[in-house]
């Protein structure tokens, strides 16, 4: 599986099939805000890229990246999935 290919699925259950994501927090510089990364984990993530080594997927060739269109479509599907009934009232 190429990096980011877990985004390509457009079935509603795509989020339920994935292992729990990695969550990394960075806030080490004085005066800066906290910075979080939520990193989805493909089911077939290579063992060499597990844990903090998942950041080894950054800086890959452009051909290995998820397209802007795929990223945007995924973000919209995720946002819709995270909305609650209270969000609709606002």
PDB file of N, CA and C in Angstrom:
ATOM      1  N   UNK A   1       0.840  -1.176   0.000  1.00  0.00           N
ATOM      2  CA  UNK A   1       0.000   0.000   0.000  1.00  0.00           C
ATOM      3  C   UNK A   1       0.883   1.237   0.000  1.00  0.00           C
ATOM      4  N   UNK A   2       0.579   2.186  -0.812  1.00  0.00           N
ATOM      5  CA  UNK A   2       1.363   3.412  -0.851  1.00  0.00           C
ATOM      6  C   UNK A   2       0.948   4.305   0.306  1.00  0.00           C
ATOM      7  N   UNK A   3       1.834   5.195   0.770  1.00  0.00           N
ATOM      8  CA  UNK A   3       1.484   6.085   1.868  1.00  0.00           C
ATOM      9  C   UNK A   3       0.215   6.862   1.538  1.00  0.00           C
ATOM     10  N   UNK A   4      -0.701   6.892   2.485  1.00  0.00           N
ATOM     11  CA  UNK A   4      -1.926   7.648   2.310  1.00  0.00           C
ATOM     12  C   UNK A   4      -3.034   6.914   1.591  1.00  0.00           C
ATOM     13  N   UNK A   5      -2.772   5.713   1.087  1.00  0.00           N
ATOM     14  CA  UNK A   5      -3.804   5.012   0.322  1.00  0.00           C
ATOM     15  C   UNK A   5      -5.013   4.681   1.169  1.00  0.00           C
ATOM     16  N   UNK A   6      -4.878   4.689   2.494  1.00  0.00           N
ATOM     17  CA  UNK A   6      -6.033   4.412   3.342  1.00  0.00           C
ATOM     18  C   UNK A   6      -7.110   5.476   3.178  1.00  0.00           C
ATOM     19  N   UNK A   7      -6.785   6.624   2.606  1.00  0.00           N
ATOM     20  CA  UNK A   7      -7.766   7.673   2.385  1.00  0.00           C
ATOM     21  C   UNK A   7      -8.665   7.390   1.186  1.00  0.00           C
ATOM     22  N   UNK A   8      -8.234   6.524   0.306  1.00  0.00           N
ATOM     23  CA  UNK A   8      -8.896   6.385  -0.981  1.00  0.00           C
ATOM     24  C   UNK A   8     -10.284   5.762  -0.894  1.00  0.00           C
ATOM     25  N   UNK A   9     -10.547   4.991   0.133  1.00  0.00           N
ATOM     26  CA  UNK A   9     -11.841   4.312   0.255  1.00  0.00           C
ATOM     27  C   UNK A   9     -12.938   5.329   0.518  1.00  0.00           C
ATOM     28  N   UNK A  10     -14.052   5.208  -0.197  1.00  0.00           N
ATOM     29  CA  UNK A  10     -15.117   6.172   0.037  1.00  0.00           C
ATOM     30  C   UNK A  10     -16.388   5.535   0.579  1.00  0.00           C
ATOM     31  N   UNK A  11     -16.273   4.399   1.225  1.00  0.00           N
ATOM     32  CA  UNK A  11     -17.417   3.795   1.902  1.00  0.00           C
ATOM     33  C   UNK A  11     -17.503   4.369   3.314  1.00  0.00           C
ATOM     34  N   UNK A  12     -18.705   4.481   3.843  1.00  0.00           N
ATOM     35  CA  UNK A  12     -18.914   5.040   5.175  1.00  0.00           C
ATOM     36  C   UNK A  12     -18.102   4.311   6.236  1.00  0.00           C
ATOM     37  N   UNK A  13     -17.913   3.016   6.092  1.00  0.00           N
ATOM     38  CA  UNK A  13     -17.232   2.228   7.112  1.00  0.00           C
ATOM     39  C   UNK A  13     -15.725   2.401   7.103  1.00  0.00           C
ATOM     40  N   UNK A  14     -15.186   3.251   6.222  1.00  0.00           N
ATOM     41  CA  UNK A  14     -13.730   3.377   6.127  1.00  0.00           C
ATOM     42  C   UNK A  14     -13.092   3.719   7.464  1.00  0.00           C
ATOM     43  N   UNK A  15     -13.748   4.511   8.278  1.00  0.00           N
ATOM     44  CA  UNK A  15     -13.160   4.932   9.546  1.00  0.00           C
ATOM     45  C   UNK A  15     -13.208   3.808  10.580  1.00  0.00           C
ATOM     46  N   UNK A  16     -14.186   2.928  10.452  1.00  0.00           N
ATOM     47  CA  UNK A  16     -14.337   1.836  11.414  1.00  0.00           C
ATOM     48  C   UNK A  16     -13.363   0.699  11.160  1.00  0.00           C
ATOM     49  N   UNK A  17     -12.841   0.586   9.951  1.00  0.00           N
ATOM     50  CA  UNK A  17     -11.946  -0.522   9.605  1.00  0.00           C
ATOM     51  C   UNK A  17     -10.501  -0.250   9.999  1.00  0.00           C
ATOM     52  N   UNK A  18     -10.155   0.992  10.210  1.00  0.00           N
ATOM     53  CA  UNK A  18      -8.757   1.334  10.479  1.00  0.00           C
ATOM     54  C   UNK A  18      -8.415   1.130  11.944  1.00  0.00           C
ATOM     55  N   UNK A  19      -7.162   0.760  12.223  1.00  0.00           N
ATOM     56  CA  UNK A  19      -6.723   0.700  13.623  1.00  0.00           C
ATOM     57  C   UNK A  19      -6.799   2.102  14.228  1.00  0.00           C
ATOM     58  N   UNK A  20      -6.809   2.210  15.552  1.00  0.00           N
ATOM     59  CA  UNK A  20      -6.824   3.543  16.163  1.00  0.00           C
ATOM     60  C   UNK A  20      -5.656   4.381  15.637  1.00  0.00           C
ATOM     61  N   UNK A  21      -5.870   5.670  15.449  1.00  0.00           N
ATOM     62  CA  UNK A  21      -4.792   6.515  14.915  1.00  0.00           C
ATOM     63  C   UNK A  21      -3.732   6.793  15.974  1.00  0.00           C
ATOM     64  N   UNK A  22      -2.574   7.211  15.504  1.00  0.00           N
ATOM     65  CA  UNK A  22      -1.554   7.735  16.401  1.00  0.00           C
ATOM     66  C   UNK A  22      -1.908   9.193  16.672  1.00  0.00           C
ATOM     67  N   UNK A  23      -1.676   9.643  17.885  1.00  0.00           N
ATOM     68  CA  UNK A  23      -1.854  11.053  18.222  1.00  0.00           C
ATOM     69  C   UNK A  23      -0.549  11.511  18.845  1.00  0.00           C
ATOM     70  N   UNK A  24       0.054  12.530  18.251  1.00  0.00           N
ATOM     71  CA  UNK A  24       1.321  13.066  18.755  1.00  0.00           C
ATOM     72  C   UNK A  24       1.111  14.532  19.110  1.00  0.00           C
ATOM     73  N   UNK A  25       1.676  14.944  20.232  1.00  0.00           N
ATOM     74  CA  UNK A  25       1.541  16.325  20.691  1.00  0.00           C
ATOM     75  C   UNK A  25       2.925  16.939  20.817  1.00  0.00           C
ATOM     76  N   UNK A  26       3.057  18.148  20.279  1.00  0.00           N
ATOM     77  CA  UNK A  26       4.315  18.872  20.360  1.00  0.00           C
ATOM     78  C   UNK A  26       4.035  20.232  20.979  1.00  0.00           C
ATOM     79  N   UNK A  27       4.726  20.557  22.039  1.00  0.00           N
ATOM     80  CA  UNK A  27       4.562  21.848  22.686  1.00  0.00           C
ATOM     81  C   UNK A  27       5.820  22.237  23.427  1.00  0.00           C
ATOM     82  N   UNK A  28       6.957  21.934  22.831  1.00  0.00           N
ATOM     83  CA  UNK A  28       8.212  22.101  23.556  1.00  0.00           C
ATOM     84  C   UNK A  28       8.807  23.504  23.485  1.00  0.00           C
ATOM     85  N   UNK A  29       8.408  24.309  22.519  1.00  0.00           N
ATOM     86  CA  UNK A  29       8.989  25.647  22.395  1.00  0.00           C
ATOM     87  C   UNK A  29       8.247  26.630  23.303  1.00  0.00           C
ATOM     88  N   UNK A  30       8.962  27.370  24.143  1.00  0.00           N
ATOM     89  CA  UNK A  30       8.304  28.333  25.038  1.00  0.00           C
ATOM     90  C   UNK A  30       7.490  29.362  24.244  1.00  0.00           C
ATOM     91  N   UNK A  31       6.300  29.647  24.739  1.00  0.00           N
ATOM     92  CA  UNK A  31       5.475  30.676  24.107  1.00  0.00           C
ATOM     93  C   UNK A  31       4.670  30.218  22.912  1.00  0.00           C
ATOM     94  N   UNK A  32       4.784  28.958  22.515  1.00  0.00           N
ATOM     95  CA  UNK A  32       4.047  28.464  21.354  1.00  0.00           C
ATOM     96  C   UNK A  32       2.849  27.645  21.808  1.00  0.00           C
ATOM     97  N   UNK A  33       1.872  27.573  20.950  1.00  0.00           N
ATOM     98  CA  UNK A  33       0.681  26.772  21.223  1.00  0.00           C
ATOM     99  C   UNK A  33       1.000  25.275  21.122  1.00  0.00           C
ATOM    100  N   UNK A  34       0.107  24.475  21.660  1.00  0.00           N
ATOM    101  CA  UNK A  34       0.255  23.030  21.503  1.00  0.00           C
ATOM    102  C   UNK A  34      -0.037  22.657  20.063  1.00  0.00           C
ATOM    103  N   UNK A  35       0.641  21.664  19.590  1.00  0.00           N
ATOM    104  CA  UNK A  35       0.510  21.234  18.196  1.00  0.00           C
ATOM    105  C   UNK A  35       0.260  19.734  18.197  1.00  0.00           C
ATOM    106  N   UNK A  36      -0.865  19.318  17.620  1.00  0.00           N
ATOM    107  CA  UNK A  36      -1.220  17.908  17.583  1.00  0.00           C
ATOM    108  C   UNK A  36      -1.204  17.371  16.165  1.00  0.00           C
ATOM    109  N   UNK A  37      -0.798  16.141  16.018  1.00  0.00           N
ATOM    110  CA  UNK A  37      -0.932  15.398  14.761  1.00  0.00           C
ATOM    111  C   UNK A  37      -1.798  14.189  15.058  1.00  0.00           C
ATOM    112  N   UNK A  38      -2.820  13.972  14.249  1.00  0.00           N
ATOM    113  CA  UNK A  38      -3.606  12.746  14.308  1.00  0.00           C
ATOM    114  C   UNK A  38      -3.275  12.010  13.021  1.00  0.00           C
ATOM    115  N   UNK A  39      -2.639  10.859  13.168  1.00  0.00           N
ATOM    116  CA  UNK A  39      -2.097  10.136  12.023  1.00  0.00           C
ATOM    117  C   UNK A  39      -2.855   8.820  11.844  1.00  0.00           C
ATOM    118  N   UNK A  40      -3.620   8.686  10.744  1.00  0.00           N
ATOM    119  CA  UNK A  40      -4.310   7.412  10.523  1.00  0.00           C
ATOM    120  C   UNK A  40      -3.304   6.292  10.288  1.00  0.00           C
ATOM    121  N   UNK A  41      -3.671   5.097  10.719  1.00  0.00           N
ATOM    122  CA  UNK A  41      -2.788   3.942  10.556  1.00  0.00           C
ATOM    123  C   UNK A  41      -3.416   2.954   9.578  1.00  0.00           C
ATOM    124  N   UNK A  42      -2.833   2.795   8.414  1.00  0.00           N
ATOM    125  CA  UNK A  42      -3.340   1.768   7.491  1.00  0.00           C
ATOM    126  C   UNK A  42      -3.210   0.390   8.141  1.00  0.00           C
ATOM    127  N   UNK A  43      -4.108  -0.499   7.802  1.00  0.00           N
ATOM    128  CA  UNK A  43      -4.060  -1.839   8.391  1.00  0.00           C
ATOM    129  C   UNK A  43      -2.781  -2.574   8.014  1.00  0.00           C
ATOM    130  N   UNK A  44      -2.196  -2.230   6.887  1.00  0.00           N
ATOM    131  CA  UNK A  44      -0.984  -2.915   6.455  1.00  0.00           C
ATOM    132  C   UNK A  44       0.272  -2.042   6.583  1.00  0.00           C
ATOM    133  N   UNK A  45       0.269  -1.145   7.569  1.00  0.00           N
ATOM    134  CA  UNK A  45       1.436  -0.295   7.797  1.00  0.00           C
ATOM    135  C   UNK A  45       2.646  -1.177   8.098  1.00  0.00           C
ATOM    136  N   UNK A  46       3.717  -0.957   7.371  1.00  0.00           N
ATOM    137  CA  UNK A  46       4.934  -1.749   7.544  1.00  0.00           C
ATOM    138  C   UNK A  46       5.458  -1.593   8.975  1.00  0.00           C
ATOM    139  N   UNK A  47       5.907  -2.683   9.600  1.00  0.00           N
ATOM    140  CA  UNK A  47       6.411  -2.604  10.978  1.00  0.00           C
ATOM    141  C   UNK A  47       7.522  -1.570  11.172  1.00  0.00           C
ATOM    142  N   UNK A  48       8.300  -1.307  10.134  1.00  0.00           N
ATOM    143  CA  UNK A  48       9.373  -0.310  10.238  1.00  0.00           C
ATOM    144  C   UNK A  48       8.840   1.110  10.355  1.00  0.00           C
ATOM    145  N   UNK A  49       7.532   1.299  10.109  1.00  0.00           N
ATOM    146  CA  UNK A  49       6.930   2.634  10.157  1.00  0.00           C
ATOM    147  C   UNK A  49       5.941   2.779  11.309  1.00  0.00           C
ATOM    148  N   UNK A  50       5.965   1.857  12.245  1.00  0.00           N
ATOM    149  CA  UNK A  50       5.028   1.921  13.364  1.00  0.00           C
ATOM    150  C   UNK A  50       5.564   2.810  14.479  1.00  0.00           C
ATOM    151  N   UNK A  51       4.639   3.301  15.298  1.00  0.00           N
ATOM    152  CA  UNK A  51       5.014   4.176  16.408  1.00  0.00           C
ATOM    153  C   UNK A  51       5.522   5.509  15.875  1.00  0.00           C
ATOM    154  N   UNK A  52       6.481   6.111  16.558  1.00  0.00           N
ATOM    155  CA  UNK A  52       6.968   7.425  16.117  1.00  0.00           C
ATOM    156  C   UNK A  52       7.636   7.385  14.740  1.00  0.00           C
ATOM    157  N   UNK A  53       7.991   6.182  14.285  1.00  0.00           N
ATOM    158  CA  UNK A  53       8.615   6.076  12.953  1.00  0.00           C
ATOM    159  C   UNK A  53       7.618   6.333  11.828  1.00  0.00           C
ATOM    160  N   UNK A  54       6.310   6.463  12.168  1.00  0.00           N
ATOM    161  CA  UNK A  54       5.307   6.764  11.143  1.00  0.00           C
ATOM    162  C   UNK A  54       5.636   8.086  10.442  1.00  0.00           C
ATOM    163  N   UNK A  55       6.343   8.970  11.138  1.00  0.00           N
ATOM    164  CA  UNK A  55       6.727  10.237  10.516  1.00  0.00           C
ATOM    165  C   UNK A  55       7.734  10.037   9.394  1.00  0.00           C
ATOM    166  N   UNK A  56       8.261   8.828   9.231  1.00  0.00           N
ATOM    167  CA  UNK A  56       9.115   8.502   8.089  1.00  0.00           C
ATOM    168  C   UNK A  56       8.352   8.569   6.775  1.00  0.00           C
ATOM    169  N   UNK A  57       7.023   8.604   6.848  1.00  0.00           N
ATOM    170  CA  UNK A  57       6.225   8.740   5.625  1.00  0.00           C
ATOM    171  C   UNK A  57       6.251  10.169   5.082  1.00  0.00           C
ATOM    172  N   UNK A  58       6.679  11.120   5.901  1.00  0.00           N
ATOM    173  CA  UNK A  58       6.764  12.507   5.436  1.00  0.00           C
ATOM    174  C   UNK A  58       7.945  12.665   4.487  1.00  0.00           C
ATOM    175  N   UNK A  59       7.820  13.587   3.574  1.00  0.00           N
ATOM    176  CA  UNK A  59       8.918  13.881   2.673  1.00  0.00           C
ATOM    177  C   UNK A  59       9.099  12.871   1.560  1.00  0.00           C
ATOM    178  N   UNK A  60       8.079  12.107   1.278  1.00  0.00           N
ATOM    179  CA  UNK A  60       8.150  11.128   0.186  1.00  0.00           C
ATOM    180  C   UNK A  60       8.035  11.832  -1.153  1.00  0.00           C
ATOM    181  N   UNK A  61       8.252  11.085  -2.219  1.00  0.00           N
ATOM    182  CA  UNK A  61       8.086  11.630  -3.562  1.00  0.00           C
ATOM    183  C   UNK A  61       6.645  12.061  -3.773  1.00  0.00           C
ATOM    184  N   UNK A  62       6.457  13.087  -4.585  1.00  0.00           N
ATOM    185  CA  UNK A  62       5.119  13.597  -4.867  1.00  0.00           C
ATOM    186  C   UNK A  62       4.205  12.505  -5.423  1.00  0.00           C
ATOM    187  N   UNK A  63       4.761  11.579  -6.174  1.00  0.00           N
ATOM    188  CA  UNK A  63       3.960  10.494  -6.758  1.00  0.00           C
ATOM    189  C   UNK A  63       3.363   9.591  -5.678  1.00  0.00           C
ATOM    190  N   UNK A  64       3.980   9.557  -4.492  1.00  0.00           N
ATOM    191  CA  UNK A  64       3.485   8.739  -3.389  1.00  0.00           C
ATOM    192  C   UNK A  64       2.455   9.459  -2.522  1.00  0.00           C
ATOM    193  N   UNK A  65       2.277  10.756  -2.739  1.00  0.00           N
ATOM    194  CA  UNK A  65       1.378  11.532  -1.898  1.00  0.00           C
ATOM    195  C   UNK A  65      -0.071  11.355  -2.333  1.00  0.00           C
ATOM    196  N   UNK A  66      -0.958  11.583  -1.378  1.00  0.00           N
ATOM    197  CA  UNK A  66      -2.380  11.617  -1.673  1.00  0.00           C
ATOM    198  C   UNK A  66      -2.653  12.946  -2.378  1.00  0.00           C
ATOM    199  N   UNK A  67      -3.481  12.912  -3.405  1.00  0.00           N
ATOM    200  CA  UNK A  67      -3.770  14.141  -4.134  1.00  0.00           C
ATOM    201  C   UNK A  67      -4.540  15.124  -3.254  1.00  0.00           C
ATOM    202  N   UNK A  68      -4.456  16.391  -3.596  1.00  0.00           N
ATOM    203  CA  UNK A  68      -5.191  17.423  -2.860  1.00  0.00           C
ATOM    204  C   UNK A  68      -6.685  17.117  -2.876  1.00  0.00           C
ATOM    205  N   UNK A  69      -7.185  16.669  -4.004  1.00  0.00           N
ATOM    206  CA  UNK A  69      -8.604  16.325  -4.115  1.00  0.00           C
ATOM    207  C   UNK A  69      -8.977  15.196  -3.144  1.00  0.00           C
ATOM    208  N   UNK A  70      -8.174  14.146  -3.095  1.00  0.00           N
ATOM    209  CA  UNK A  70      -8.445  13.026  -2.188  1.00  0.00           C
ATOM    210  C   UNK A  70      -8.371  13.465  -0.726  1.00  0.00           C
ATOM    211  N   UNK A  71      -7.376  14.300  -0.395  1.00  0.00           N
ATOM    212  CA  UNK A  71      -7.254  14.798   0.978  1.00  0.00           C
ATOM    213  C   UNK A  71      -8.471  15.610   1.373  1.00  0.00           C
ATOM    214  N   UNK A  72      -8.889  16.530   0.470  1.00  0.00           N
ATOM    215  CA  UNK A  72     -10.044  17.384   0.764  1.00  0.00           C
ATOM    216  C   UNK A  72     -11.317  16.562   0.908  1.00  0.00           C
ATOM    217  N   UNK A  73     -11.495  15.584   0.025  1.00  0.00           N
ATOM    218  CA  UNK A  73     -12.692  14.738   0.086  1.00  0.00           C
ATOM    219  C   UNK A  73     -12.707  13.946   1.393  1.00  0.00           C
ATOM    220  N   UNK A  74     -11.563  13.429   1.803  1.00  0.00           N
ATOM    221  CA  UNK A  74     -11.473  12.689   3.051  1.00  0.00           C
ATOM    222  C   UNK A  74     -11.796  13.602   4.233  1.00  0.00           C
ATOM    223  N   UNK A  75     -11.238  14.810   4.234  1.00  0.00           N
ATOM    224  CA  UNK A  75     -11.473  15.744   5.336  1.00  0.00           C
ATOM    225  C   UNK A  75     -12.959  16.079   5.456  1.00  0.00           C
ATOM    226  N   UNK A  76     -13.635  16.258   4.341  1.00  0.00           N
ATOM    227  CA  UNK A  76     -15.070  16.549   4.373  1.00  0.00           C
ATOM    228  C   UNK A  76     -15.861  15.355   4.910  1.00  0.00           C
ATOM    229  N   UNK A  77     -15.488  14.149   4.508  1.00  0.00           N
ATOM    230  CA  UNK A  77     -16.179  12.957   5.015  1.00  0.00           C
ATOM    231  C   UNK A  77     -15.927  12.791   6.514  1.00  0.00           C
ATOM    232  N   UNK A  78     -14.711  13.049   6.950  1.00  0.00           N
ATOM    233  CA  UNK A  78     -14.390  12.936   8.366  1.00  0.00           C
ATOM    234  C   UNK A  78     -15.141  13.998   9.169  1.00  0.00           C
ATOM    235  N   UNK A  79     -15.170  15.229   8.675  1.00  0.00           N
ATOM    236  CA  UNK A  79     -15.890  16.300   9.372  1.00  0.00           C
ATOM    237  C   UNK A  79     -17.369  15.950   9.510  1.00  0.00           C
ATOM    238  N   UNK A  80     -17.962  15.416   8.460  1.00  0.00           N
ATOM    239  CA  UNK A  80     -19.371  15.022   8.512  1.00  0.00           C
ATOM    240  C   UNK A  80     -19.578  13.921   9.543  1.00  0.00           C
ATOM    241  N   UNK A  81     -18.630  13.014   9.631  1.00  0.00           N
ATOM    242  CA  UNK A  81     -18.727  11.902  10.577  1.00  0.00           C
ATOM    243  C   UNK A  81     -18.592  12.385  12.017  1.00  0.00           C
ATOM    244  N   UNK A  82     -17.834  13.449  12.226  1.00  0.00           N
ATOM    245  CA  UNK A  82     -17.595  13.945  13.579  1.00  0.00           C
ATOM    246  C   UNK A  82     -18.670  14.915  14.074  1.00  0.00           C
ATOM    247  N   UNK A  83     -19.499  15.406  13.176  1.00  0.00           N
ATOM    248  CA  UNK A  83     -20.561  16.336  13.581  1.00  0.00           C
ATOM    249  C   UNK A  83     -21.540  15.649  14.523  1.00  0.00           C
ATOM    250  N   UNK A  84     -22.029  16.420  15.457  1.00  0.00           N
ATOM    251  CA  UNK A  84     -23.009  15.903  16.398  1.00  0.00           C
ATOM    252  C   UNK A  84     -24.317  16.644  16.180  1.00  0.00           C
ATOM    253  N   UNK A  85     -25.424  16.139  16.714  1.00  0.00           N
ATOM    254  CA  UNK A  85     -26.692  16.869  16.605  1.00  0.00           C
ATOM    255  C   UNK A  85     -26.591  18.289  17.170  1.00  0.00           C
ATOM    256  N   UNK A  86     -25.769  18.485  18.188  1.00  0.00           N
ATOM    257  CA  UNK A  86     -25.596  19.826  18.752  1.00  0.00           C
ATOM    258  C   UNK A  86     -24.976  20.787  17.743  1.00  0.00           C
ATOM    259  N   UNK A  87     -24.130  20.282  16.862  1.00  0.00           N
ATOM    260  CA  UNK A  87     -23.509  21.124  15.833  1.00  0.00           C
ATOM    261  C   UNK A  87     -24.569  21.694  14.892  1.00  0.00           C
ATOM    262  N   UNK A  88     -25.601  20.930  14.606  1.00  0.00           N
ATOM    263  CA  UNK A  88     -26.649  21.371  13.679  1.00  0.00           C
ATOM    264  C   UNK A  88     -27.485  22.491  14.281  1.00  0.00           C
ATOM    265  N   UNK A  89     -27.561  22.563  15.596  1.00  0.00           N
ATOM    266  CA  UNK A  89     -28.357  23.606  16.264  1.00  0.00           C
ATOM    267  C   UNK A  89     -27.677  24.959  16.215  1.00  0.00           C
ATOM    268  N   UNK A  90     -26.321  24.947  16.151  1.00  0.00           N
ATOM    269  CA  UNK A  90     -25.545  26.168  16.268  1.00  0.00           C
ATOM    270  C   UNK A  90     -25.632  27.067  15.139  1.00  0.00           C
TER     271      UNK A  90
END
